Amino acid sequence: MSEFDAVLFDAGDTLIRLAGSGETLLHRAAATLGADPLDPGEVADVWKRVLDRSSTAEEMAKGRDLSTDRHHAVWTALYTAAGCEQLAPGLSEELYALTVAAESWEAFPDTVPTLRTLRERGIRIGIVSDTGFDLRPALERLGVMAYVDAVVMSFQHGMCKPAIPVFLAASEQLDVDPARTLFVGDNPLTDSGAIAVGMHVFLLPRPAPSGPRGLGHVLSLV
């Protein structure tokens, strides 16, 4: 018998991720606007600035995952500051709309098989995600929601991981003891907060550009 009754997962870069490169998204957004084809070099420069700025302490402190309005405002401002409007007027808004669209996300190849096996073993499954928009349409489209019993998103609670209440909310929704719960994520600074409520934590390395995420290792622990 497993020592775990439930497994909680982070979502972004653990179960799902944006499909395609950032440059691809920028080109798609520009095409939707009807703009002239963008210069690949300029697009690469803009996306690098987006990536560099998005992970800074200054950006992280803006609370972009605490509400849907804040998420929209912070990300569109970041896109604008990175140079999107110089590429094409309106590109910041169009890029944001594209990144939150369900059709823009993909599941890792081993996501659904892993969740299916956990369900077959009688394990309850939940998701705890720092996100400023509703991930459930994407999860539904990708076949993930068929195996998920609870989804806790930071914007619903006005707080992000590693805050204890978001982990407790998932435990309460699943009606499981935190001590008999495994949390699976990829960010040691946020996902390890599950330890504070008595959960066990399994952290994945950064995902490879393609192929399985490595979620099969979870099955060996449950």
Protein backbone atom coordinates (compact mmCIF):
# COMPACT_ATOMS: atom_id res chain seq x y z
CA MET A 1 0.00 0.00 0.00
CA SER A 2 1.24 3.49 -0.86
CA GLU A 3 2.19 5.90 1.89
CA PHE A 4 0.43 8.61 -0.14
CA ASP A 5 -3.29 9.19 -0.60
CA ALA A 6 -2.86 12.18 -2.91
CA VAL A 7 -0.42 13.81 -5.28
CA LEU A 8 -0.46 17.56 -5.89
CA PHE A 9 1.22 19.02 -8.95
CA ASP A 10 2.42 22.43 -9.98
CA ALA A 11 1.05 23.24 -13.44
CA GLY A 12 3.34 25.41 -15.59
CA ASP A 13 6.51 23.60 -16.68
CA THR A 14 5.47 20.59 -14.59
CA LEU A 15 2.35 19.30 -16.34
CA ILE A 16 1.89 21.83 -19.16
CA ARG A 17 3.80 24.58 -20.94
CA LEU A 18 3.34 27.15 -23.68
CA ALA A 19 3.62 25.44 -27.05
CA GLY A 20 6.38 26.69 -29.31
CA SER A 21 9.07 29.27 -28.68
CA GLY A 22 8.51 32.82 -27.53
CA GLU A 23 9.60 34.05 -30.91
CA THR A 24 6.94 31.88 -32.53
CA LEU A 25 4.29 33.40 -30.27
CA LEU A 26 5.40 36.91 -31.21
CA HIS A 27 5.19 36.12 -34.92
CA ARG A 28 1.75 34.59 -34.44
CA ALA A 29 0.53 37.61 -32.50
CA ALA A 30 1.79 39.96 -35.20
CA ALA A 31 0.11 37.91 -37.91
CA THR A 32 -3.18 38.06 -36.01
CA LEU A 33 -2.86 41.85 -36.00
CA GLY A 34 -2.29 41.82 -39.74
CA ALA A 35 1.15 43.39 -39.30
CA ASP A 36 3.93 43.03 -41.84
CA PRO A 37 6.30 40.09 -41.21
CA LEU A 38 8.62 40.87 -38.32
CA ASP A 39 12.39 40.82 -38.51
CA PRO A 40 13.55 37.57 -36.81
CA GLY A 41 16.54 39.24 -35.20
CA GLU A 42 14.44 42.01 -33.67
CA VAL A 43 11.90 39.46 -32.45
CA ALA A 44 14.66 37.42 -30.80
CA ASP A 45 16.00 40.53 -29.07
CA VAL A 46 12.55 41.49 -27.76
CA TRP A 47 11.82 38.01 -26.45
CA LYS A 48 15.20 37.84 -24.72
CA ARG A 49 14.34 41.07 -22.93
CA VAL A 50 10.98 39.60 -21.94
CA LEU A 51 12.67 36.53 -20.46
CA ASP A 52 15.41 38.53 -18.73
CA ARG A 53 12.97 40.97 -17.12
CA SER A 54 10.27 38.49 -16.21
CA SER A 55 12.47 36.66 -13.72
CA THR A 56 13.89 39.70 -11.93
CA ALA A 57 13.04 40.39 -8.30
CA GLU A 58 11.47 43.69 -9.34
CA GLU A 59 9.01 41.98 -11.68
CA MET A 60 8.28 39.13 -9.29
CA ALA A 61 7.42 41.67 -6.59
CA LYS A 62 4.62 43.17 -8.70
CA GLY A 63 2.17 40.43 -7.70
CA ARG A 64 1.28 39.42 -11.21
CA ASP A 65 -0.28 36.14 -10.08
CA LEU A 66 -2.44 37.64 -7.33
CA SER A 67 -5.36 38.67 -9.53
CA THR A 68 -6.46 38.52 -13.14
CA ASP A 69 -6.36 42.30 -13.50
CA ARG A 70 -2.87 42.48 -12.03
CA HIS A 71 -1.67 39.66 -14.27
CA HIS A 72 -2.88 41.47 -17.38
CA ALA A 73 -1.45 44.82 -16.34
CA VAL A 74 1.98 43.55 -15.30
CA TRP A 75 2.56 41.33 -18.31
CA THR A 76 1.37 43.80 -20.95
CA ALA A 77 3.54 46.50 -19.35
CA LEU A 78 6.50 44.13 -19.44
CA TYR A 79 5.90 43.31 -23.10
CA THR A 80 5.71 47.00 -23.91
CA ALA A 81 8.90 47.77 -21.99
CA ALA A 82 10.67 44.95 -23.83
CA GLY A 83 9.88 46.56 -27.18
CA CYS A 84 6.75 44.84 -28.48
CA GLU A 85 5.08 48.08 -29.52
CA GLN A 86 8.12 49.01 -31.58
CA LEU A 87 7.68 45.78 -33.53
CA ALA A 88 3.98 46.39 -34.15
CA PRO A 89 1.38 48.64 -32.47
CA GLY A 90 -0.95 46.58 -30.31
CA LEU A 91 1.44 43.64 -30.12
CA SER A 92 1.66 43.67 -26.32
CA GLU A 93 -2.08 43.11 -25.92
CA GLU A 94 -2.22 40.53 -28.71
CA LEU A 95 0.71 38.60 -27.26
CA TYR A 96 -0.93 38.57 -23.85
CA ALA A 97 -4.20 37.29 -25.31
CA LEU A 98 -2.30 34.54 -27.07
CA THR A 99 -0.39 33.41 -23.98
CA VAL A 100 -3.55 33.02 -21.88
CA ALA A 101 -5.51 31.22 -24.61
CA ALA A 102 -6.18 27.53 -23.96
CA GLU A 103 -5.03 26.66 -27.48
CA SER A 104 -1.53 28.01 -26.78
CA TRP A 105 -0.68 25.36 -24.18
CA GLU A 106 0.54 21.79 -24.51
CA ALA A 107 0.89 18.90 -22.07
CA PHE A 108 4.15 17.04 -21.72
CA PRO A 109 3.98 13.60 -23.36
CA ASP A 110 4.01 11.81 -20.00
CA THR A 111 1.49 14.06 -18.24
CA VAL A 112 -1.79 12.31 -19.05
CA PRO A 113 -0.33 8.76 -18.82
CA THR A 114 1.06 9.54 -15.37
CA LEU A 115 -2.20 11.04 -14.14
CA ARG A 116 -4.17 8.11 -15.55
CA THR A 117 -1.95 5.61 -13.73
CA LEU A 118 -2.26 7.52 -10.47
CA ARG A 119 -6.05 7.50 -10.80
CA GLU A 120 -6.01 3.75 -11.50
CA ARG A 121 -4.06 3.30 -8.26
CA GLY A 122 -6.74 5.15 -6.32
CA ILE A 123 -4.63 8.26 -5.72
CA ARG A 124 -6.41 11.60 -5.50
CA ILE A 125 -4.91 14.30 -7.73
CA GLY A 126 -4.74 18.06 -7.35
CA ILE A 127 -3.04 21.06 -8.92
CA VAL A 128 -1.65 24.07 -7.06
CA SER A 129 -0.52 26.80 -9.44
CA ASP A 130 0.77 30.34 -9.22
CA THR A 131 -1.22 31.86 -12.06
CA GLY A 132 -3.06 35.09 -12.75
CA PHE A 133 -5.51 33.52 -15.19
CA ASP A 134 -7.73 30.46 -15.20
CA LEU A 135 -5.77 27.43 -16.40
CA ARG A 136 -8.75 25.08 -16.39
CA PRO A 137 -9.79 25.63 -20.04
CA ALA A 138 -6.28 24.63 -21.13
CA LEU A 139 -6.23 21.69 -18.74
CA GLU A 140 -9.62 20.58 -20.02
CA ARG A 141 -8.56 20.86 -23.65
CA LEU A 142 -5.41 18.81 -22.97
CA GLY A 143 -7.25 15.99 -21.23
CA VAL A 144 -5.76 16.76 -17.82
CA MET A 145 -8.96 17.70 -15.99
CA ALA A 146 -10.40 14.21 -16.52
CA TYR A 147 -8.01 13.00 -13.80
CA VAL A 148 -7.89 16.02 -11.48
CA ASP A 149 -9.99 16.29 -8.33
CA ALA A 150 -9.02 19.83 -7.27
CA VAL A 151 -7.39 22.92 -8.78
CA VAL A 152 -6.10 25.72 -6.56
CA MET A 153 -4.91 28.86 -8.37
CA SER A 154 -3.16 31.75 -6.68
CA PHE A 155 -5.35 34.48 -8.19
CA GLN A 156 -8.38 32.92 -6.52
CA HIS A 157 -6.80 33.27 -3.09
CA GLY A 158 -4.78 36.46 -3.49
CA MET A 159 -1.59 34.70 -2.45
CA CYS A 160 1.12 32.61 -4.08
CA LYS A 161 3.24 29.67 -3.09
CA PRO A 162 5.03 29.17 -0.75
CA ALA A 163 2.12 30.58 1.32
CA ILE A 164 0.77 27.81 3.53
CA PRO A 165 -2.96 28.50 2.89
CA VAL A 166 -2.78 27.55 -0.80
CA PHE A 167 -1.40 24.12 0.04
CA LEU A 168 -3.93 23.67 2.83
CA ALA A 169 -6.75 24.66 0.47
CA ALA A 170 -5.79 21.81 -1.84
CA SER A 171 -5.65 19.34 1.04
CA GLU A 172 -9.06 20.43 2.23
CA GLN A 173 -10.59 20.14 -1.23
CA LEU A 174 -9.18 16.64 -1.60
CA ASP A 175 -10.00 15.74 2.02
CA VAL A 176 -6.52 14.30 2.58
CA ASP A 177 -3.93 14.55 5.33
CA PRO A 178 -0.97 16.72 4.21
CA ALA A 179 1.35 14.14 5.73
CA ARG A 180 0.02 11.60 3.25
CA THR A 181 0.37 13.94 0.28
CA LEU A 182 3.19 14.23 -2.26
CA PHE A 183 3.77 17.58 -3.97
CA VAL A 184 5.47 17.58 -7.38
CA GLY A 185 6.91 20.79 -8.82
CA ASP A 186 9.97 22.41 -10.35
CA ASN A 187 10.66 25.56 -8.32
CA PRO A 188 12.54 25.06 -5.02
CA LEU A 189 11.70 28.59 -3.84
CA THR A 190 7.93 28.20 -4.09
CA ASP A 191 7.01 24.53 -4.35
CA SER A 192 9.08 23.51 -1.34
CA GLY A 193 6.59 25.53 0.72
CA ALA A 194 4.55 22.34 0.82
CA ILE A 195 7.06 21.06 3.38
CA ALA A 196 5.78 23.64 5.87
CA VAL A 197 2.39 21.94 5.94
CA GLY A 198 3.91 18.47 6.34
CA MET A 199 3.83 17.30 2.73
CA HIS A 200 6.58 15.39 0.99
CA VAL A 201 8.04 17.23 -2.01
CA PHE A 202 9.55 15.95 -5.25
CA LEU A 203 11.23 18.60 -7.43
CA LEU A 204 11.84 18.05 -11.12
CA PRO A 205 14.81 19.55 -13.02
CA ARG A 206 14.23 22.09 -15.77
CA PRO A 207 12.33 20.54 -18.68
CA ALA A 208 14.13 19.45 -21.81
CA PRO A 209 13.19 21.22 -25.06
CA SER A 210 11.20 18.16 -26.12
CA GLY A 211 10.19 14.73 -24.90
CA PRO A 212 8.80 13.47 -21.57
CA ARG A 213 8.93 15.61 -18.44
CA GLY A 214 10.16 12.80 -16.20
CA LEU A 215 6.85 12.39 -14.41
CA GLY A 216 7.28 8.60 -14.48
CA HIS A 217 9.53 9.01 -11.45
CA VAL A 218 6.44 10.03 -9.49
CA LEU A 219 4.93 6.60 -10.04
CA SER A 220 7.92 4.97 -8.37
CA LEU A 221 7.25 7.03 -5.23
CA VAL A 222 3.53 6.30 -4.98
